[in-house]
Amino acid sequence: MDCYYHSQDLGKFGEMGKSNPVLCEGALTEREKALIALGVAHAVQCPYCIDAYTQACLEKGSNTEEMTEAVHVACAIRGGASLVHGVQMRNVAEKLSM
């Protein structure tokens, strides 16, 4: 694949939410979706979202161990994303140093 982003994909955005409202029960439970949201809140570093989804997770029956694991997954992904951009930086630096 040459590129991950294609402008023609913008027209497909409306299709993404047709099958289920985002945080309602569907193929995933509301509890599972709240855990995902908690992880994402940490990845994007939104303190308001962290508070809101911490409360949502507890209300949906998650415990601190499960919530901490969701945060650890988000940290691993965020760290990986930072690492890949570090490789990009080194590639550019190497190219410019030639």
N, C-alpha and C. Protein backbone atom coordinates (compact mmCIF):
# COMPACT_ATOMS: atom_id res chain seq x y z
N MET A 1 0.84 -1.17 0.00
CA MET A 1 0.00 0.00 0.00
C MET A 1 0.89 1.24 0.00
N ASP A 2 0.67 2.11 -0.96
CA ASP A 2 1.48 3.32 -1.08
C ASP A 2 1.12 4.39 -0.06
N CYS A 3 -0.16 4.44 0.29
CA CYS A 3 -0.62 5.52 1.16
C CYS A 3 -1.80 5.03 1.99
N TYR A 4 -1.85 5.44 3.24
CA TYR A 4 -2.95 5.06 4.11
C TYR A 4 -4.17 5.95 3.93
N TYR A 5 -3.97 7.18 3.51
CA TYR A 5 -5.06 8.15 3.44
C TYR A 5 -5.42 8.42 1.98
N HIS A 6 -6.72 8.37 1.70
CA HIS A 6 -7.22 8.63 0.35
C HIS A 6 -8.38 9.60 0.48
N SER A 7 -8.35 10.70 -0.27
CA SER A 7 -9.39 11.71 -0.16
C SER A 7 -10.78 11.17 -0.48
N GLN A 8 -10.87 10.17 -1.36
CA GLN A 8 -12.18 9.60 -1.69
C GLN A 8 -12.82 8.89 -0.49
N ASP A 9 -12.03 8.54 0.52
CA ASP A 9 -12.57 7.89 1.71
C ASP A 9 -13.41 8.83 2.57
N LEU A 10 -13.24 10.14 2.39
CA LEU A 10 -14.03 11.10 3.18
C LEU A 10 -15.53 10.87 2.99
N GLY A 11 -15.93 10.48 1.80
CA GLY A 11 -17.34 10.22 1.52
C GLY A 11 -17.89 9.01 2.25
N LYS A 12 -17.03 8.18 2.80
CA LYS A 12 -17.45 6.96 3.50
C LYS A 12 -17.66 7.19 5.00
N PHE A 13 -17.30 8.35 5.51
CA PHE A 13 -17.37 8.61 6.94
C PHE A 13 -18.79 8.43 7.49
N GLY A 14 -19.79 8.85 6.74
CA GLY A 14 -21.17 8.75 7.20
C GLY A 14 -21.63 7.32 7.41
N GLU A 15 -21.01 6.37 6.75
CA GLU A 15 -21.38 4.96 6.86
C GLU A 15 -20.91 4.34 8.18
N MET A 16 -19.91 4.92 8.80
CA MET A 16 -19.28 4.31 9.96
C MET A 16 -20.25 4.11 11.14
N GLY A 17 -21.16 5.03 11.38
CA GLY A 17 -22.03 4.93 12.54
C GLY A 17 -23.43 4.41 12.25
N LYS A 18 -23.68 3.96 11.04
CA LYS A 18 -25.04 3.55 10.68
C LYS A 18 -25.55 2.33 11.44
N SER A 19 -24.69 1.37 11.72
CA SER A 19 -25.17 0.13 12.32
C SER A 19 -25.48 0.24 13.81
N ASN A 20 -24.77 1.10 14.53
CA ASN A 20 -24.95 1.23 15.98
C ASN A 20 -24.63 2.63 16.45
N PRO A 21 -25.42 3.14 17.39
CA PRO A 21 -24.98 4.35 18.07
C PRO A 21 -23.66 4.05 18.79
N VAL A 22 -22.80 5.00 18.86
CA VAL A 22 -21.41 4.76 19.27
C VAL A 22 -21.25 4.09 20.63
N LEU A 23 -21.88 4.59 21.66
CA LEU A 23 -21.62 4.05 23.00
C LEU A 23 -22.75 3.16 23.53
N CYS A 24 -23.68 2.79 22.66
CA CYS A 24 -24.76 1.89 23.08
C CYS A 24 -24.38 0.44 22.82
N GLU A 25 -25.11 -0.45 23.46
CA GLU A 25 -24.89 -1.88 23.30
C GLU A 25 -25.01 -2.27 21.84
N GLY A 26 -24.09 -3.07 21.39
CA GLY A 26 -24.09 -3.59 20.03
C GLY A 26 -23.30 -4.88 20.04
N ALA A 27 -22.38 -5.03 19.09
CA ALA A 27 -21.50 -6.20 19.11
C ALA A 27 -20.61 -6.17 20.35
N LEU A 28 -20.31 -4.97 20.83
CA LEU A 28 -19.57 -4.78 22.09
C LEU A 28 -20.56 -4.30 23.15
N THR A 29 -20.30 -4.67 24.38
CA THR A 29 -21.14 -4.20 25.48
C THR A 29 -20.82 -2.74 25.79
N GLU A 30 -21.74 -2.09 26.48
CA GLU A 30 -21.48 -0.71 26.92
C GLU A 30 -20.24 -0.66 27.81
N ARG A 31 -20.05 -1.69 28.63
CA ARG A 31 -18.88 -1.76 29.51
C ARG A 31 -17.60 -1.83 28.69
N GLU A 32 -17.57 -2.65 27.66
CA GLU A 32 -16.38 -2.76 26.80
C GLU A 32 -16.11 -1.45 26.08
N LYS A 33 -17.16 -0.80 25.60
CA LYS A 33 -16.99 0.48 24.91
C LYS A 33 -16.48 1.56 25.86
N ALA A 34 -16.94 1.53 27.12
CA ALA A 34 -16.45 2.50 28.10
C ALA A 34 -14.96 2.28 28.38
N LEU A 35 -14.52 1.02 28.43
CA LEU A 35 -13.09 0.73 28.62
C LEU A 35 -12.26 1.22 27.44
N ILE A 36 -12.78 1.03 26.23
CA ILE A 36 -12.08 1.54 25.04
C ILE A 36 -12.00 3.06 25.11
N ALA A 37 -13.12 3.70 25.46
CA ALA A 37 -13.14 5.16 25.56
C ALA A 37 -12.15 5.65 26.61
N LEU A 38 -12.03 4.93 27.72
CA LEU A 38 -11.08 5.31 28.76
C LEU A 38 -9.65 5.24 28.22
N GLY A 39 -9.33 4.18 27.49
CA GLY A 39 -8.00 4.07 26.89
C GLY A 39 -7.73 5.19 25.90
N VAL A 40 -8.72 5.49 25.06
CA VAL A 40 -8.56 6.57 24.08
C VAL A 40 -8.40 7.90 24.78
N ALA A 41 -9.16 8.12 25.85
CA ALA A 41 -9.06 9.37 26.61
C ALA A 41 -7.64 9.58 27.11
N HIS A 42 -7.00 8.49 27.53
CA HIS A 42 -5.61 8.60 27.97
C HIS A 42 -4.67 8.83 26.79
N ALA A 43 -4.95 8.20 25.67
CA ALA A 43 -4.09 8.37 24.49
C ALA A 43 -4.12 9.81 23.98
N VAL A 44 -5.30 10.44 24.04
CA VAL A 44 -5.41 11.83 23.57
C VAL A 44 -5.20 12.83 24.70
N GLN A 45 -5.00 12.32 25.90
CA GLN A 45 -4.67 13.11 27.09
C GLN A 45 -5.72 14.19 27.41
N CYS A 46 -6.98 13.77 27.44
CA CYS A 46 -8.07 14.68 27.77
C CYS A 46 -8.52 14.44 29.21
N PRO A 47 -8.20 15.35 30.14
CA PRO A 47 -8.55 15.13 31.54
C PRO A 47 -10.06 15.03 31.77
N TYR A 48 -10.86 15.78 31.02
CA TYR A 48 -12.31 15.72 31.19
C TYR A 48 -12.85 14.35 30.75
N CYS A 49 -12.32 13.84 29.64
CA CYS A 49 -12.73 12.53 29.15
C CYS A 49 -12.28 11.43 30.11
N ILE A 50 -11.09 11.58 30.68
CA ILE A 50 -10.60 10.59 31.64
C ILE A 50 -11.56 10.52 32.83
N ASP A 51 -11.95 11.67 33.36
CA ASP A 51 -12.90 11.70 34.47
C ASP A 51 -14.23 11.06 34.07
N ALA A 52 -14.75 11.46 32.92
CA ALA A 52 -16.07 10.97 32.48
C ALA A 52 -16.06 9.47 32.25
N TYR A 53 -15.01 8.96 31.59
CA TYR A 53 -14.99 7.53 31.28
C TYR A 53 -14.53 6.67 32.46
N THR A 54 -13.83 7.26 33.41
CA THR A 54 -13.55 6.55 34.66
C THR A 54 -14.88 6.29 35.37
N GLN A 55 -15.70 7.32 35.44
CA GLN A 55 -17.01 7.17 36.07
C GLN A 55 -17.87 6.18 35.28
N ALA A 56 -17.88 6.30 33.96
CA ALA A 56 -18.68 5.40 33.12
C ALA A 56 -18.25 3.95 33.30
N CYS A 57 -16.95 3.72 33.35
CA CYS A 57 -16.44 2.35 33.54
C CYS A 57 -16.91 1.77 34.86
N LEU A 58 -16.80 2.56 35.91
CA LEU A 58 -17.25 2.09 37.22
C LEU A 58 -18.75 1.81 37.22
N GLU A 59 -19.52 2.70 36.60
CA GLU A 59 -20.97 2.52 36.54
C GLU A 59 -21.36 1.29 35.74
N LYS A 60 -20.56 0.94 34.74
CA LYS A 60 -20.85 -0.23 33.89
C LYS A 60 -20.29 -1.52 34.46
N GLY A 61 -19.62 -1.45 35.63
CA GLY A 61 -19.17 -2.65 36.31
C GLY A 61 -17.71 -3.01 36.17
N SER A 62 -16.90 -2.13 35.59
CA SER A 62 -15.46 -2.40 35.49
C SER A 62 -14.80 -2.15 36.84
N ASN A 63 -13.67 -2.83 37.05
CA ASN A 63 -12.92 -2.60 38.27
C ASN A 63 -11.61 -1.88 37.92
N THR A 64 -10.91 -1.46 38.94
CA THR A 64 -9.68 -0.69 38.74
C THR A 64 -8.63 -1.47 37.96
N GLU A 65 -8.55 -2.77 38.19
CA GLU A 65 -7.57 -3.60 37.46
C GLU A 65 -7.86 -3.59 35.96
N GLU A 66 -9.12 -3.74 35.58
CA GLU A 66 -9.49 -3.71 34.16
C GLU A 66 -9.23 -2.34 33.55
N MET A 67 -9.55 -1.31 34.30
CA MET A 67 -9.36 0.05 33.81
C MET A 67 -7.88 0.36 33.64
N THR A 68 -7.07 -0.10 34.59
CA THR A 68 -5.62 0.11 34.49
C THR A 68 -5.06 -0.63 33.28
N GLU A 69 -5.56 -1.82 33.01
CA GLU A 69 -5.10 -2.57 31.84
C GLU A 69 -5.46 -1.84 30.55
N ALA A 70 -6.65 -1.24 30.49
CA ALA A 70 -7.04 -0.46 29.32
C ALA A 70 -6.09 0.72 29.11
N VAL A 71 -5.71 1.37 30.20
CA VAL A 71 -4.77 2.49 30.13
C VAL A 71 -3.40 2.00 29.65
N HIS A 72 -2.97 0.84 30.12
CA HIS A 72 -1.68 0.29 29.70
C HIS A 72 -1.67 -0.02 28.20
N VAL A 73 -2.78 -0.52 27.69
CA VAL A 73 -2.87 -0.79 26.25
C VAL A 73 -2.75 0.53 25.48
N ALA A 74 -3.45 1.57 25.94
CA ALA A 74 -3.37 2.87 25.29
C ALA A 74 -1.94 3.41 25.31
N CYS A 75 -1.26 3.24 26.42
CA CYS A 75 0.14 3.70 26.54
C CYS A 75 1.05 2.95 25.58
N ALA A 76 0.81 1.65 25.44
CA ALA A 76 1.64 0.85 24.52
C ALA A 76 1.44 1.32 23.08
N ILE A 77 0.20 1.59 22.70
CA ILE A 77 -0.08 2.06 21.34
C ILE A 77 0.50 3.46 21.14
N ARG A 78 0.29 4.32 22.10
CA ARG A 78 0.80 5.70 21.98
C ARG A 78 2.33 5.68 21.91
N GLY A 79 2.95 4.84 22.73
CA GLY A 79 4.41 4.73 22.70
C GLY A 79 4.89 4.22 21.35
N GLY A 80 4.18 3.26 20.79
CA GLY A 80 4.54 2.74 19.47
C GLY A 80 4.41 3.79 18.40
N ALA A 81 3.36 4.60 18.49
CA ALA A 81 3.17 5.67 17.51
C ALA A 81 4.30 6.70 17.62
N SER A 82 4.72 6.99 18.83
CA SER A 82 5.84 7.92 19.02
C SER A 82 7.13 7.32 18.47
N LEU A 83 7.32 6.03 18.70
CA LEU A 83 8.52 5.35 18.23
C LEU A 83 8.61 5.36 16.71
N VAL A 84 7.51 5.07 16.02
CA VAL A 84 7.55 5.05 14.56
C VAL A 84 7.86 6.45 14.01
N HIS A 85 7.40 7.49 14.68
CA HIS A 85 7.73 8.84 14.23
C HIS A 85 9.19 9.18 14.51
N GLY A 86 9.75 8.55 15.53
CA GLY A 86 11.19 8.71 15.79
C GLY A 86 12.01 8.09 14.67
N VAL A 87 11.55 6.96 14.15
CA VAL A 87 12.22 6.34 13.00
C VAL A 87 12.12 7.26 11.79
N GLN A 88 10.95 7.86 11.60
CA GLN A 88 10.77 8.81 10.49
C GLN A 88 11.77 9.96 10.63
N MET A 89 11.93 10.49 11.83
CA MET A 89 12.86 11.59 12.08
C MET A 89 14.27 11.18 11.69
N ARG A 90 14.66 9.97 12.10
CA ARG A 90 16.01 9.51 11.79
C ARG A 90 16.21 9.33 10.29
N ASN A 91 15.17 8.85 9.60
CA ASN A 91 15.26 8.70 8.15
C ASN A 91 15.45 10.05 7.47
N VAL A 92 14.72 11.06 7.90
CA VAL A 92 14.84 12.40 7.33
C VAL A 92 16.21 12.98 7.66
N ALA A 93 16.65 12.83 8.91
CA ALA A 93 17.96 13.35 9.29
C ALA A 93 19.08 12.70 8.47
N GLU A 94 18.96 11.38 8.28
CA GLU A 94 19.97 10.67 7.48
C GLU A 94 19.96 11.18 6.04
N LYS A 95 18.79 11.37 5.48
CA LYS A 95 18.67 11.86 4.09
C LYS A 95 19.25 13.26 3.96
N LEU A 96 18.96 14.13 4.92
CA LEU A 96 19.44 15.52 4.85
C LEU A 96 20.93 15.62 5.14
N SER A 97 21.47 14.65 5.84
CA SER A 97 22.90 14.69 6.18
C SER A 97 23.79 14.19 5.04
N MET A 98 23.20 13.62 4.02
CA MET A 98 23.99 13.07 2.91
C MET A 98 24.64 14.13 2.09
